[in-house]
Amino acid sequence: MARLLTACFVLLAALLSRASLSSAAPPGPSSDPRACAQAVNAGHVPGPREEALSRGVNMTTLFDPAPGPSQDEADIRTLKAVGLRHVRIPFDPAWVLSWPAGGAPDEKLRRLDSFVCAALRQGVAVILDNHSGALHPTDASTEDVLPRLGAAWDRMAARYAVFTPDLMIFEALNEPAFTDGKRWEPWQRELLAHIRAAAPNHTVLLTAAPDDTPWALSALTPLADSNVAYVFHFYSPGLFTTQGADWVEPSLESVRGLKYPAEPGNVRTVAARARASHRQDLANYGRDYGDTRALQAEIDVAAHWAQSHRVRLVVTEFGVFNGAVPPESRAAWLRDVRTALEQRSIGWTVWEYQGGFGIASDLKGPCGRGSARDALGLCPSGRQAP
């Protein structure tokens, strides 16, 4: 009888525990990061969120299958040691919608949980970025896409809103592609509402269509939410930052060795080897990018808009493809853009840690004047105070 009673109590406790968890958790995998959140939140010392958003890096290969590059706690320690304050993790909302209603999380979700926990335990903030994948809004998108994006945020925000708002940040959508930015605005309001349902106190990053550009942002009507920041991306001039890339349209594989700032002799040499269709763009580059004025003018489009509306800005992507660029020119461009952003109190997230634009190898290199690490202010003399 004692054994039977004990068994009954164990079964009852298990059922009550399961009921409690199911009522508190959103639809999705049965395990969740709450145990890690308790430890993180208990040990966290509140600080300004602008500081958390000041300097970071995109972690674009987190979900790559082995034996490709991945990230772990050692990488977090490296990033923190050089002065980076946050990581941005792109995720695919279609994958979030595939989470099973019960059972163990898949390998990708276990990897995400582990990496988020490792970062936040180290005091490195996390931006969860809805990179949209097959659900990416374009002019051809129909209204049925929006509820699916919202449902993905219902799951993602509820899962990670357990972490302190000082360290967990949500980015509503990456580079919406609506040609008409006004069509995007009600979509963004709806996505923000889904996030706010689970995360009323967390900072949310918002943006403009098309494609997170400064000009698109300058036409956006800010929302009446004081706990948001606005995003733009910066890769100008694309002829320089993506030279050598065969995955852009039109291909820039034939543009190689182009220097920054522009030098007339170098531009002529590159043009002689490049496809004829690129030669006018190269001439324009040589005319406009001999100094920093064009870069600063483009950044100021967004900066002046933000100042007029008294809102915060973050550049969640900027970088140079490593395929064909002279290293000293890559460092010079990174330095000029990073400096221009910081002078305007704009936080930044360089694209990317691993991958074609990656800075991982730079962080292991020396801190000489011409290094990308120094250009990003990640050498001891260039770091912000902790």
Protein backbone atom coordinates (compact mmCIF):
# COMPACT_ATOMS: atom_id res chain seq x y z
CA MET A 1 0.00 0.00 0.00
CA ALA A 2 2.82 2.39 0.90
CA ARG A 3 4.41 1.70 -2.47
CA LEU A 4 1.11 2.30 -4.23
CA LEU A 5 0.55 5.59 -2.37
CA THR A 6 4.09 6.72 -3.17
CA ALA A 7 3.57 5.89 -6.82
CA CYS A 8 0.29 7.80 -6.84
CA PHE A 9 1.91 10.88 -5.29
CA VAL A 10 4.77 10.76 -7.83
CA LEU A 11 2.31 10.48 -10.70
CA LEU A 12 0.17 13.33 -9.31
CA ALA A 13 3.24 15.56 -8.86
CA ALA A 14 4.36 14.85 -12.41
CA LEU A 15 0.91 15.68 -13.80
CA LEU A 16 0.73 18.92 -11.81
CA SER A 17 4.22 19.89 -12.90
CA ARG A 18 3.39 19.17 -16.54
CA ALA A 19 0.17 21.20 -16.29
CA SER A 20 2.05 24.13 -14.76
CA LEU A 21 4.66 24.11 -17.49
CA SER A 22 2.13 23.82 -20.29
CA SER A 23 0.10 26.75 -18.97
CA ALA A 24 3.18 28.97 -18.63
CA ALA A 25 5.05 28.10 -21.81
CA PRO A 26 4.17 28.97 -25.42
CA PRO A 27 3.61 26.26 -28.03
CA GLY A 28 6.92 24.67 -28.94
CA PRO A 29 9.56 22.33 -27.55
CA SER A 30 8.99 21.19 -23.99
CA SER A 31 12.43 22.21 -22.70
CA ASP A 32 13.23 25.92 -22.38
CA PRO A 33 15.95 28.31 -21.18
CA ARG A 34 14.30 29.28 -17.88
CA ALA A 35 16.89 27.59 -15.68
CA CYS A 36 19.66 29.57 -17.39
CA ALA A 37 17.56 32.74 -17.18
CA GLN A 38 17.23 32.40 -13.43
CA ALA A 39 21.01 32.31 -13.04
CA VAL A 40 21.61 35.12 -15.53
CA ASN A 41 18.97 37.41 -14.10
CA ALA A 42 20.05 36.80 -10.50
CA GLY A 43 23.64 37.75 -11.26
CA HIS A 44 22.97 40.63 -13.64
CA VAL A 45 23.84 44.19 -12.66
CA PRO A 46 21.51 46.56 -14.56
CA GLY A 47 23.17 48.90 -17.02
CA PRO A 48 22.25 51.21 -19.91
CA ARG A 49 20.95 49.36 -22.96
CA GLU A 50 22.73 51.82 -25.24
CA GLU A 51 25.97 50.37 -23.93
CA ALA A 52 24.86 46.82 -24.69
CA LEU A 53 24.02 47.91 -28.25
CA SER A 54 27.18 49.93 -28.79
CA ARG A 55 29.48 47.32 -30.39
CA GLY A 56 28.73 43.83 -31.64
CA VAL A 57 29.13 41.18 -34.30
CA ASN A 58 26.82 38.98 -36.36
CA MET A 59 27.00 35.23 -35.66
CA THR A 60 25.91 33.93 -39.05
CA THR A 61 27.30 30.39 -38.92
CA LEU A 62 25.84 29.30 -35.58
CA PHE A 63 23.56 26.78 -37.26
CA ASP A 64 26.04 25.52 -39.87
CA PRO A 65 26.33 21.74 -39.89
CA ALA A 66 29.59 20.12 -38.76
CA PRO A 67 32.39 20.23 -39.72
CA GLY A 68 31.77 23.84 -40.68
CA PRO A 69 32.52 26.76 -38.36
CA SER A 70 30.33 27.05 -35.30
CA GLN A 71 30.38 29.14 -32.16
CA ASP A 72 30.71 28.19 -28.52
CA GLU A 73 31.55 29.66 -25.14
CA ALA A 74 35.21 30.12 -26.09
CA ASP A 75 34.15 32.46 -28.89
CA ILE A 76 32.05 34.47 -26.46
CA ARG A 77 35.07 34.90 -24.20
CA THR A 78 37.10 36.08 -27.19
CA LEU A 79 34.47 38.62 -28.20
CA LYS A 80 34.09 39.95 -24.69
CA ALA A 81 37.86 40.19 -24.23
CA VAL A 82 38.25 42.50 -27.24
CA GLY A 83 35.42 44.77 -26.11
CA LEU A 84 32.37 43.61 -28.06
CA ARG A 85 29.14 44.04 -26.11
CA HIS A 86 26.58 42.04 -28.10
CA VAL A 87 26.04 39.35 -30.70
CA ARG A 88 23.32 39.30 -33.35
CA ILE A 89 21.92 35.88 -34.24
CA PRO A 90 19.85 35.59 -37.45
CA PHE A 91 17.08 32.99 -37.36
CA ASP A 92 14.62 31.65 -39.92
CA PRO A 93 10.97 32.06 -38.82
CA ALA A 94 9.94 29.02 -40.88
CA TRP A 95 12.24 26.95 -38.67
CA VAL A 96 10.63 28.43 -35.54
CA LEU A 97 7.21 27.43 -36.87
CA SER A 98 8.50 23.87 -37.34
CA TRP A 99 9.19 23.41 -33.62
CA PRO A 100 7.26 20.33 -32.49
CA ALA A 101 4.34 20.76 -30.13
CA GLY A 102 6.01 18.42 -27.64
CA GLY A 103 9.17 16.42 -27.16
CA ALA A 104 12.81 17.39 -27.20
CA PRO A 105 14.03 20.44 -29.17
CA ASP A 106 15.97 19.79 -32.35
CA GLU A 107 19.74 20.18 -32.62
CA LYS A 108 19.48 23.77 -33.91
CA LEU A 109 17.37 24.85 -30.98
CA ARG A 110 19.66 23.15 -28.48
CA ARG A 111 22.56 24.98 -30.09
CA LEU A 112 20.74 28.30 -29.92
CA ASP A 113 19.75 27.79 -26.27
CA SER A 114 23.32 26.87 -25.37
CA PHE A 115 24.89 29.81 -27.18
CA VAL A 116 22.38 32.35 -25.84
CA CYS A 117 22.95 31.06 -22.32
CA ALA A 118 26.74 31.21 -22.72
CA ALA A 119 26.61 34.79 -24.04
CA LEU A 120 24.28 36.11 -21.38
CA ARG A 121 26.19 34.42 -18.56
CA GLN A 122 29.23 36.38 -19.77
CA GLY A 123 27.21 39.61 -19.83
CA VAL A 124 27.27 39.76 -23.65
CA ALA A 125 23.85 40.88 -24.93
CA VAL A 126 21.98 38.99 -27.65
CA ILE A 127 19.95 40.35 -30.58
CA LEU A 128 17.61 37.71 -32.00
CA ASP A 129 17.16 38.76 -35.63
CA ASN A 130 14.20 37.57 -37.71
CA HIS A 131 16.03 37.00 -40.99
CA SER A 132 12.78 35.74 -42.60
CA GLY A 133 14.11 33.28 -45.24
CA ALA A 134 11.23 31.93 -47.33
CA LEU A 135 8.83 34.23 -45.45
CA HIS A 136 10.74 37.36 -46.44
CA PRO A 137 8.24 40.13 -47.26
CA THR A 138 8.46 41.34 -50.86
CA ASP A 139 6.12 43.11 -53.26
CA ALA A 140 4.74 39.68 -54.19
CA SER A 141 3.92 38.76 -50.58
CA THR A 142 0.28 38.17 -49.71
CA GLU A 143 -1.36 38.99 -46.40
CA ASP A 144 -1.18 35.36 -45.24
CA VAL A 145 2.58 35.78 -44.69
CA LEU A 146 2.10 38.25 -41.84
CA PRO A 147 0.29 35.89 -39.44
CA ARG A 148 3.04 33.32 -39.95
CA LEU A 149 5.73 35.87 -39.12
CA GLY A 150 3.70 36.91 -36.09
CA ALA A 151 3.27 33.30 -34.96
CA ALA A 152 7.03 32.80 -35.19
CA TRP A 153 7.53 35.79 -32.91
CA ASP A 154 4.91 34.44 -30.50
CA ARG A 155 7.15 31.43 -29.98
CA MET A 156 10.56 33.05 -30.16
CA ALA A 157 9.78 36.04 -27.93
CA ALA A 158 8.04 33.95 -25.29
CA ARG A 159 10.93 31.52 -25.17
CA TYR A 160 13.63 34.16 -24.66
CA ALA A 161 11.77 36.98 -22.90
CA VAL A 162 12.56 35.14 -19.66
CA PHE A 163 16.00 36.81 -19.82
CA THR A 164 16.59 40.30 -18.45
CA PRO A 165 15.59 43.05 -20.92
CA ASP A 166 19.01 44.63 -20.40
CA LEU A 167 20.64 41.78 -22.32
CA MET A 168 17.97 40.27 -24.60
CA ILE A 169 16.93 42.30 -27.66
CA PHE A 170 14.54 41.39 -30.47
CA GLU A 171 14.85 42.59 -34.09
CA ALA A 172 11.44 42.51 -35.78
CA LEU A 173 12.62 41.78 -39.33
CA ASN A 174 15.74 41.99 -41.44
CA GLU A 175 15.61 44.06 -44.64
CA PRO A 176 11.93 44.03 -45.62
CA ALA A 177 11.80 44.27 -49.41
CA PHE A 178 8.54 46.13 -50.04
CA THR A 179 9.21 48.79 -52.65
CA ASP A 180 6.53 50.91 -51.00
CA GLY A 181 7.74 51.55 -47.47
CA LYS A 182 4.25 52.59 -46.37
CA ARG A 183 3.02 49.07 -47.07
CA TRP A 184 5.63 47.79 -44.61
CA GLU A 185 4.63 50.06 -41.72
CA PRO A 186 1.40 48.23 -40.69
CA TRP A 187 3.25 44.92 -40.95
CA GLN A 188 5.90 46.21 -38.58
CA ARG A 189 3.28 47.44 -36.10
CA GLU A 190 1.70 43.99 -36.14
CA LEU A 191 5.03 42.21 -35.55
CA LEU A 192 5.83 44.58 -32.71
CA ALA A 193 2.48 43.74 -31.12
CA HIS A 194 3.31 40.02 -31.26
CA ILE A 195 6.68 40.65 -29.61
CA ARG A 196 5.21 42.97 -26.99
CA ALA A 197 2.64 40.35 -25.96
CA ALA A 198 5.48 38.26 -24.53
CA ALA A 199 8.14 40.92 -23.98
CA PRO A 200 6.59 44.21 -22.85
CA ASN A 201 9.85 45.53 -21.36
CA HIS A 202 12.44 44.37 -23.90
CA THR A 203 14.00 46.66 -26.48
CA VAL A 204 12.83 45.90 -30.02
CA LEU A 205 14.74 46.92 -33.13
CA LEU A 206 12.62 48.26 -36.00
CA THR A 207 13.50 49.23 -39.55
CA ALA A 208 12.24 50.54 -42.88
CA ALA A 209 11.52 49.17 -46.34
CA PRO A 210 13.05 48.71 -48.72
CA ASP A 211 16.10 46.94 -47.38
CA ASP A 212 17.06 48.85 -44.22
CA THR A 213 18.66 51.74 -46.14
CA PRO A 214 19.19 55.20 -44.60
CA TRP A 215 16.90 56.74 -47.24
CA ALA A 216 14.10 54.26 -46.48
CA LEU A 217 14.50 54.98 -42.78
CA SER A 218 14.25 58.73 -43.35
CA ALA A 219 10.74 58.21 -44.78
CA LEU A 220 9.53 56.01 -41.90
CA THR A 221 6.97 57.23 -39.39
CA PRO A 222 8.33 56.33 -35.92
CA LEU A 223 6.04 54.36 -33.63
CA ALA A 224 4.74 55.60 -30.29
CA ASP A 225 6.91 53.18 -28.33
CA SER A 226 9.82 54.64 -26.37
CA ASN A 227 11.52 51.27 -25.92
CA VAL A 228 12.54 50.70 -29.52
CA ALA A 229 15.59 51.54 -31.59
CA TYR A 230 15.77 51.87 -35.37
CA VAL A 231 18.07 49.98 -37.69
CA PHE A 232 19.82 50.62 -40.97
CA HIS A 233 22.50 48.69 -42.82
CA PHE A 234 25.58 50.12 -44.44
CA TYR A 235 27.64 48.61 -47.27
CA SER A 236 28.31 51.68 -49.39
CA PRO A 237 29.86 51.79 -51.87
CA GLY A 238 28.82 48.24 -52.76
CA LEU A 239 31.30 48.18 -55.64
CA PHE A 240 34.07 48.29 -53.05
CA THR A 241 32.58 46.30 -50.15
CA THR A 242 31.46 43.33 -52.27
CA GLN A 243 34.20 43.32 -54.91
CA GLY A 244 35.13 39.83 -56.05
CA ALA A 245 31.71 38.41 -55.15
CA ASP A 246 30.01 36.21 -57.73
CA TRP A 247 26.83 35.94 -55.63
CA VAL A 248 25.71 39.55 -56.11
CA GLU A 249 23.71 40.71 -59.12
CA PRO A 250 25.34 41.76 -61.35
CA SER A 251 28.41 39.70 -60.44
CA LEU A 252 31.42 41.63 -59.17
CA GLU A 253 33.83 38.73 -59.61
CA SER A 254 35.83 40.74 -62.17
CA VAL A 255 36.28 43.74 -59.83
CA ARG A 256 39.34 42.91 -57.77
CA GLY A 257 42.00 44.85 -55.88
CA LEU A 258 39.95 48.06 -55.70
CA LYS A 259 41.38 50.35 -53.02
CA TYR A 260 39.69 52.63 -50.52
CA PRO A 261 39.92 55.61 -50.44
CA ALA A 262 39.76 55.71 -54.21
CA GLU A 263 43.04 56.29 -56.04
CA PRO A 264 42.81 57.31 -59.73
CA GLY A 265 45.62 55.01 -60.89
CA ASN A 266 44.21 52.03 -59.01
CA VAL A 267 40.70 52.66 -60.38
CA ARG A 268 42.06 52.68 -63.94
CA THR A 269 43.96 49.43 -63.34
CA VAL A 270 40.90 47.69 -61.89
CA ALA A 271 38.67 49.01 -64.69
CA ALA A 272 41.04 47.63 -67.35
CA ARG A 273 40.51 44.10 -65.95
CA ALA A 274 36.82 44.42 -65.06
CA ARG A 275 33.79 43.73 -67.20
CA ALA A 276 32.94 46.66 -69.44
CA SER A 277 29.55 46.97 -67.71
CA HIS A 278 31.32 47.98 -64.48
CA ARG A 279 33.49 50.72 -65.89
CA GLN A 280 31.07 53.60 -65.45
CA ASP A 281 30.43 52.53 -61.84
CA LEU A 282 34.17 52.42 -61.28
CA ALA A 283 34.54 55.92 -62.72
CA ASN A 284 31.80 57.13 -60.35
CA TYR A 285 33.55 55.41 -57.45
CA GLY A 286 36.80 57.17 -58.29
CA ARG A 287 34.99 60.51 -58.41
CA ASP A 288 32.98 60.12 -55.18
CA TYR A 289 35.04 58.06 -52.74
CA GLY A 290 38.45 59.68 -52.59
CA ASP A 291 37.60 60.77 -49.03
CA THR A 292 34.93 60.16 -46.38
CA ARG A 293 32.41 62.80 -47.44
CA ALA A 294 30.09 60.45 -49.37
CA LEU A 295 30.11 57.89 -46.54
CA GLN A 296 29.33 60.50 -43.93
CA ALA A 297 26.59 62.11 -46.02
CA GLU A 298 24.78 58.78 -46.37
CA ILE A 299 25.03 58.02 -42.65
CA ASP A 300 23.77 61.54 -41.91
CA VAL A 301 20.53 60.82 -43.79
CA ALA A 302 19.61 58.40 -41.00
CA ALA A 303 21.31 60.36 -38.21
CA HIS A 304 19.40 63.57 -38.97
CA TRP A 305 16.10 61.66 -39.13
CA ALA A 306 16.81 60.05 -35.75
CA GLN A 307 17.78 63.36 -34.20
CA SER A 308 14.62 65.05 -35.45
CA HIS A 309 12.45 62.28 -33.97
CA ARG A 310 14.58 61.73 -30.85
CA VAL A 311 14.98 58.01 -31.44
CA ARG A 312 17.97 55.67 -31.11
CA LEU A 313 19.86 54.15 -34.05
CA VAL A 314 21.82 50.93 -34.49
CA VAL A 315 23.58 49.70 -37.63
CA THR A 316 23.09 45.93 -37.37
CA GLU A 317 25.12 45.19 -40.52
CA PHE A 318 28.21 46.71 -42.11
CA GLY A 319 31.33 45.06 -43.45
CA VAL A 320 33.63 44.20 -46.35
CA PHE A 321 33.77 40.93 -48.27
CA ASN A 322 37.23 39.39 -48.00
CA GLY A 323 37.33 37.82 -51.45
CA ALA A 324 39.37 40.37 -53.41
CA VAL A 325 39.87 43.49 -51.30
CA PRO A 326 43.31 44.85 -50.34
CA PRO A 327 43.56 44.30 -46.55
CA GLU A 328 44.70 47.84 -45.78
CA SER A 329 41.74 49.24 -47.75
CA ARG A 330 39.32 46.98 -45.90
CA ALA A 331 40.72 48.29 -42.61
CA ALA A 332 40.50 51.89 -43.80
CA TRP A 333 36.80 51.53 -44.76
CA LEU A 334 35.93 49.79 -41.48
CA ARG A 335 37.71 52.53 -39.55
CA ASP A 336 35.95 55.36 -41.37
CA VAL A 337 32.48 53.82 -41.04
CA ARG A 338 32.93 52.76 -37.42
CA THR A 339 34.28 56.19 -36.47
CA ALA A 340 31.45 58.00 -38.27
CA LEU A 341 28.86 55.88 -36.45
CA GLU A 342 30.40 56.37 -33.04
CA GLN A 343 30.72 60.12 -33.58
CA ARG A 344 26.94 60.17 -34.09
CA SER A 345 26.25 57.88 -31.08
CA ILE A 346 25.05 55.08 -33.36
CA GLY A 347 25.62 51.54 -32.12
CA TRP A 348 26.97 48.96 -34.56
CA THR A 349 27.12 45.25 -35.33
CA VAL A 350 29.78 44.27 -37.84
CA TRP A 351 28.95 41.63 -40.45
CA GLU A 352 30.25 39.02 -39.51
CA TYR A 353 32.25 36.76 -37.16
CA GLN A 354 32.80 33.77 -39.45
CA GLY A 355 32.15 33.69 -43.19
CA GLY A 356 33.13 35.70 -46.25
CA PHE A 357 33.05 39.03 -44.37
CA GLY A 358 34.40 37.46 -41.18
CA ILE A 359 36.55 39.18 -38.58
CA ALA A 360 37.38 36.05 -36.54
CA SER A 361 40.90 35.79 -37.94
CA ASP A 362 41.40 39.54 -37.46
CA LEU A 363 40.69 39.22 -33.75
CA LYS A 364 43.57 36.76 -33.45
CA GLY A 365 45.95 39.03 -35.33
CA PRO A 366 48.13 41.92 -34.25
CA CYS A 367 46.85 45.37 -33.37
CA GLY A 368 48.85 47.37 -35.88
CA ARG A 369 47.49 50.57 -37.40
CA GLY A 370 46.47 48.84 -40.65
CA SER A 371 44.64 45.93 -39.02
CA ALA A 372 40.88 45.43 -39.16
CA ARG A 373 40.91 44.80 -35.42
CA ASP A 374 42.37 48.23 -34.76
CA ALA A 375 40.00 49.76 -37.34
CA LEU A 376 37.04 48.48 -35.32
CA GLY A 377 38.43 49.94 -32.11
CA LEU A 378 39.02 46.48 -30.67
CA CYS A 379 42.64 46.99 -29.68
CA PRO A 380 43.32 48.15 -26.11
CA SER A 381 43.80 51.80 -27.03
CA GLY A 382 40.55 51.95 -29.00
CA ARG A 383 38.14 50.25 -26.60
CA GLN A 384 35.36 52.04 -24.84
CA ALA A 385 35.45 52.04 -21.07
CA PRO A 386 33.73 48.99 -19.56
